[in-house]
Amino acid sequence: MSSEIITRIMIMILALSTFSLAAQDLSVGANMFSHKKTAYVTKKDGTSLEGTVDKIKRKKGLLEMVVLEVDGHEIELMPEEIDHMYLPPSGLDKLANKMDEATTMTKWDREDVASDKIKEGYVYFENAQVSLKGNSQTLLMQLLNPGFSSKLRVYFDPLANETSRANIGGLTVAGGLDKSYYVQRPGEEAYKLKKKDYRKDFENFYKDCPKVLKKYPKPDWPDFAKHIFYYSENCE
């Protein structure tokens, strides 16, 4: 491997580390998954499956079907069948998740999410009702705040743009906060929350917690994770 390639790889590692540390409360979303490392799936009926990811079908970036290879057999799983699952990211997604784990373990308020698997770099998906253009759909959503999601849940939007990008050493590296997430309040459907709508929706989204409204009278999108974290610690 040439010294130039090694240098570029080291620059990318440093860049990913920097951006990961800047977004301390939300995990990094993953789009690519390993076909070699074990995936863990728990079905709605309580059945547990361990296998490797064979295929993933998506609709508008969101998971529509997972094909798991278990003991040499392919098992097709629809979102309606799955309660939750842990998938191993691959490539740069894996690198970003491993770098990010230290910044996301400051609080853990959900006993039903395996912190040991998150520490290993796995990403957590769960069954959720999502409002898409006014229609309710059952989807598998990638949770970005697994350690403090007993109240408000933040899900990855695979099609979201990012607030900034950096070019380092000839490499374009994504950074900053995504411009949209799927969010879910207790007992409600998840929906897409966009950066451009955040200030307008802020009061309604945190309406049951005056502490948040008082502490952040002029909310900014870059502080979104901080607002979610504060809510999880201070609101009933």
Protein backbone atom coordinates (compact mmCIF):
# COMPACT_ATOMS: atom_id res chain seq x y z
CA MET A 1 0.00 0.00 0.00
CA SER A 2 1.48 3.33 -1.05
CA SER A 3 2.25 6.08 1.44
CA GLU A 4 -0.29 8.33 -0.32
CA ILE A 5 -3.11 5.84 0.22
CA ILE A 6 -2.10 5.34 3.85
CA THR A 7 -2.07 9.11 4.36
CA ARG A 8 -5.53 9.48 2.83
CA ILE A 9 -6.90 6.70 5.03
CA MET A 10 -5.43 8.31 8.14
CA ILE A 11 -6.92 11.67 7.16
CA MET A 12 -10.33 10.05 6.72
CA ILE A 13 -10.07 8.33 10.11
CA LEU A 14 -9.15 11.63 11.76
CA ALA A 15 -11.97 13.44 9.98
CA LEU A 16 -14.59 10.86 10.93
CA SER A 17 -13.38 10.93 14.51
CA THR A 18 -13.66 14.71 14.64
CA PHE A 19 -17.19 14.78 13.27
CA SER A 20 -18.23 11.88 15.49
CA LEU A 21 -17.07 13.69 18.60
CA ALA A 22 -18.94 16.81 17.53
CA ALA A 23 -22.32 15.04 17.58
CA GLN A 24 -22.10 13.53 21.01
CA ASP A 25 -25.64 12.46 21.71
CA LEU A 26 -26.79 10.74 18.51
CA SER A 27 -25.30 7.65 16.92
CA VAL A 28 -24.14 7.64 13.33
CA GLY A 29 -26.71 6.27 10.89
CA ALA A 30 -25.63 3.32 8.74
CA ASN A 31 -26.67 2.41 5.20
CA MET A 32 -24.35 -0.53 4.53
CA PHE A 33 -24.36 -3.79 6.47
CA SER A 34 -21.93 -6.69 6.79
CA HIS A 35 -22.74 -9.97 5.04
CA LYS A 36 -20.27 -11.85 7.23
CA LYS A 37 -20.82 -10.76 10.82
CA THR A 38 -23.76 -12.17 12.80
CA ALA A 39 -27.03 -10.24 12.84
CA TYR A 40 -29.57 -10.68 15.64
CA VAL A 41 -33.31 -10.53 14.96
CA THR A 42 -36.21 -10.89 17.42
CA LYS A 43 -39.60 -11.51 15.84
CA LYS A 44 -42.94 -10.28 17.14
CA ASP A 45 -43.77 -13.78 18.38
CA GLY A 46 -40.61 -13.83 20.51
CA THR A 47 -38.58 -16.06 18.19
CA SER A 48 -34.89 -15.14 18.05
CA LEU A 49 -32.85 -15.59 14.87
CA GLU A 50 -29.11 -15.36 14.36
CA GLY A 51 -27.67 -15.27 10.88
CA THR A 52 -26.03 -13.08 8.30
CA VAL A 53 -27.64 -10.37 6.21
CA ASP A 54 -28.15 -11.68 2.67
CA LYS A 55 -30.25 -8.88 1.17
CA ILE A 56 -32.03 -5.73 2.22
CA LYS A 57 -34.83 -4.18 0.20
CA ARG A 58 -35.60 -0.51 0.68
CA LYS A 59 -38.38 1.88 -0.20
CA LYS A 60 -37.39 5.55 -0.21
CA GLY A 61 -34.32 4.61 1.80
CA LEU A 62 -36.25 2.84 4.58
CA LEU A 63 -36.08 -0.92 5.15
CA GLU A 64 -38.92 -2.77 3.47
CA MET A 65 -37.64 -6.35 3.79
CA VAL A 66 -34.65 -8.16 5.30
CA VAL A 67 -33.39 -11.48 3.95
CA LEU A 68 -31.43 -13.35 6.61
CA GLU A 69 -29.33 -16.43 5.92
CA VAL A 70 -29.69 -18.88 8.81
CA ASP A 71 -27.95 -22.28 8.66
CA GLY A 72 -27.77 -22.12 4.88
CA HIS A 73 -31.41 -21.15 4.41
CA GLU A 74 -32.75 -17.77 3.33
CA ILE A 75 -35.50 -16.31 5.50
CA GLU A 76 -37.47 -13.33 4.23
CA LEU A 77 -38.62 -11.02 7.01
CA MET A 78 -41.11 -8.19 6.63
CA PRO A 79 -41.26 -5.23 9.04
CA GLU A 80 -44.57 -6.48 10.46
CA GLU A 81 -42.84 -9.68 11.62
CA ILE A 82 -39.87 -8.07 13.37
CA ASP A 83 -39.92 -6.54 16.84
CA HIS A 84 -36.30 -5.40 16.81
CA MET A 85 -32.90 -6.34 15.44
CA TYR A 86 -29.19 -5.58 15.68
CA LEU A 87 -27.36 -5.32 12.36
CA PRO A 88 -23.58 -5.05 11.91
CA PRO A 89 -22.56 -2.12 9.71
CA SER A 90 -19.81 -2.54 7.14
CA GLY A 91 -17.17 -0.40 5.48
CA LEU A 92 -16.93 3.23 6.56
CA ASP A 93 -20.30 2.93 8.33
CA LYS A 94 -18.65 0.39 10.64
CA LEU A 95 -15.69 2.72 11.24
CA ALA A 96 -17.96 5.66 12.05
CA ASN A 97 -20.06 3.61 14.48
CA LYS A 98 -17.03 2.27 16.34
CA MET A 99 -15.65 5.79 16.68
CA ASP A 100 -18.99 7.13 17.82
CA GLU A 101 -19.75 4.58 20.52
CA ALA A 102 -17.80 6.38 23.25
CA THR A 103 -19.79 9.57 22.70
CA THR A 104 -23.21 7.90 22.90
CA MET A 105 -22.83 5.94 26.12
CA THR A 106 -23.26 8.83 28.57
CA LYS A 107 -26.74 7.68 29.58
CA TRP A 108 -28.70 4.44 29.28
CA ASP A 109 -32.39 4.45 30.20
CA ARG A 110 -33.74 1.49 28.22
CA GLU A 111 -33.20 -1.99 29.61
CA ASP A 112 -34.70 -3.59 26.49
CA VAL A 113 -31.80 -2.38 24.33
CA ALA A 114 -28.58 -4.39 24.66
CA SER A 115 -25.86 -1.87 25.44
CA ASP A 116 -23.15 -4.50 24.88
CA LYS A 117 -24.14 -4.88 21.24
CA ILE A 118 -24.24 -1.11 20.75
CA LYS A 119 -20.73 -0.94 22.23
CA GLU A 120 -19.63 -3.51 19.66
CA GLY A 121 -20.76 -1.16 16.90
CA TYR A 122 -24.10 -2.76 16.03
CA VAL A 123 -26.98 -0.54 14.96
CA TYR A 124 -30.41 -1.06 16.49
CA PHE A 125 -33.64 -1.24 14.50
CA GLU A 126 -37.12 -1.45 15.95
CA ASN A 127 -40.64 -1.82 14.67
CA ALA A 128 -42.41 1.55 14.51
CA GLN A 129 -45.51 3.14 13.06
CA VAL A 130 -44.45 5.92 10.73
CA SER A 131 -46.49 8.61 9.04
CA LEU A 132 -45.41 8.98 5.41
CA LYS A 133 -47.32 11.61 3.46
CA GLY A 134 -50.33 11.13 5.70
CA ASN A 135 -50.32 7.33 5.49
CA SER A 136 -49.43 5.13 8.46
CA GLN A 137 -46.90 2.40 7.69
CA THR A 138 -45.15 -0.26 9.78
CA LEU A 139 -41.42 0.09 9.22
CA LEU A 140 -38.09 -0.92 10.69
CA MET A 141 -36.45 2.25 11.94
CA GLN A 142 -32.81 2.72 12.91
CA LEU A 143 -32.70 4.28 16.39
CA LEU A 144 -30.03 6.95 16.87
CA ASN A 145 -30.50 7.56 20.61
CA PRO A 146 -30.75 3.99 21.96
CA GLY A 147 -29.39 4.89 25.38
CA PHE A 148 -31.88 7.67 26.14
CA SER A 149 -34.97 6.84 24.11
CA SER A 150 -37.53 5.79 26.69
CA LYS A 151 -39.48 9.00 25.97
CA LEU A 152 -38.50 10.62 22.68
CA ARG A 153 -37.07 8.54 19.86
CA VAL A 154 -34.90 9.77 17.02
CA TYR A 155 -34.63 7.62 13.91
CA PHE A 156 -32.19 7.82 11.02
CA ASP A 157 -33.41 9.32 7.76
CA PRO A 158 -31.30 7.57 5.08
CA LEU A 159 -32.20 10.20 2.50
CA ALA A 160 -31.37 13.21 4.65
CA ASN A 161 -28.83 15.73 3.47
CA GLU A 162 -26.22 16.95 5.91
CA THR A 163 -25.58 20.44 7.19
CA SER A 164 -21.97 20.54 6.03
CA ARG A 165 -19.29 18.67 4.17
CA ALA A 166 -15.55 18.98 4.36
CA ASN A 167 -12.86 18.27 1.80
CA ILE A 168 -9.75 17.00 3.53
CA GLY A 169 -6.70 15.76 1.68
CA GLY A 170 -8.69 15.38 -1.53
CA LEU A 171 -11.41 13.36 0.19
CA THR A 172 -14.94 14.68 0.62
CA VAL A 173 -16.11 13.67 4.08
CA ALA A 174 -19.65 14.14 5.34
CA GLY A 175 -20.01 15.97 8.59
CA GLY A 176 -22.40 17.96 10.70
CA LEU A 177 -25.99 17.22 11.59
CA ASP A 178 -28.45 15.57 9.23
CA LYS A 179 -31.05 18.01 7.90
CA SER A 180 -33.89 15.69 8.88
CA TYR A 181 -34.71 12.83 11.23
CA TYR A 182 -37.75 10.74 11.96
CA VAL A 183 -38.94 11.48 15.50
CA GLN A 184 -41.51 9.86 17.74
CA ARG A 185 -43.26 11.05 20.86
CA PRO A 186 -44.79 8.54 23.34
CA GLY A 187 -47.95 6.95 21.98
CA GLU A 188 -47.70 8.75 18.63
CA GLU A 189 -46.55 7.84 15.15
CA ALA A 190 -43.06 8.76 14.02
CA TYR A 191 -42.81 11.51 11.42
CA LYS A 192 -40.09 13.35 9.55
CA LEU A 193 -38.77 16.45 11.29
CA LYS A 194 -36.80 18.81 9.06
CA LYS A 195 -34.23 21.40 9.98
CA LYS A 196 -36.21 24.15 8.24
CA ASP A 197 -39.30 23.38 10.35
CA TYR A 198 -37.60 22.88 13.71
CA ARG A 199 -38.12 26.31 15.24
CA LYS A 200 -41.73 26.36 14.10
CA ASP A 201 -42.42 22.87 15.52
CA PHE A 202 -40.28 23.24 18.66
CA GLU A 203 -43.02 24.35 21.05
CA ASN A 204 -45.46 21.69 19.89
CA PHE A 205 -42.86 18.90 19.92
CA TYR A 206 -41.80 19.66 23.51
CA LYS A 207 -45.22 20.88 24.63
CA ASP A 208 -45.39 18.53 27.62
CA CYS A 209 -42.10 19.81 29.08
CA PRO A 210 -42.04 23.51 30.02
CA LYS A 211 -38.45 23.06 31.25
CA VAL A 212 -37.22 22.56 27.69
CA LEU A 213 -39.17 25.55 26.40
CA LYS A 214 -37.82 27.74 29.17
CA LYS A 215 -34.21 26.60 28.83
CA TYR A 216 -34.12 26.95 25.04
CA PRO A 217 -36.22 30.02 24.09
CA LYS A 218 -34.38 30.33 20.76
CA PRO A 219 -33.72 26.76 19.64
CA ASP A 220 -31.19 26.03 16.92
CA TRP A 221 -31.02 22.85 14.84
CA PRO A 222 -27.35 22.13 15.74
CA ASP A 223 -28.52 21.71 19.36
CA PHE A 224 -31.22 19.17 18.45
CA ALA A 225 -29.46 16.24 20.16
CA LYS A 226 -28.88 18.38 23.24
CA HIS A 227 -32.61 19.19 23.43
CA ILE A 228 -33.55 15.50 23.18
CA PHE A 229 -31.02 14.56 25.84
CA TYR A 230 -32.19 17.33 28.18
CA TYR A 231 -35.79 16.18 27.74
CA SER A 232 -34.85 12.60 28.62
CA GLU A 233 -33.20 13.71 31.85
CA ASN A 234 -35.59 16.41 33.05
CA CYS A 235 -39.08 15.70 31.75
CA GLU A 236 -41.68 13.22 32.92
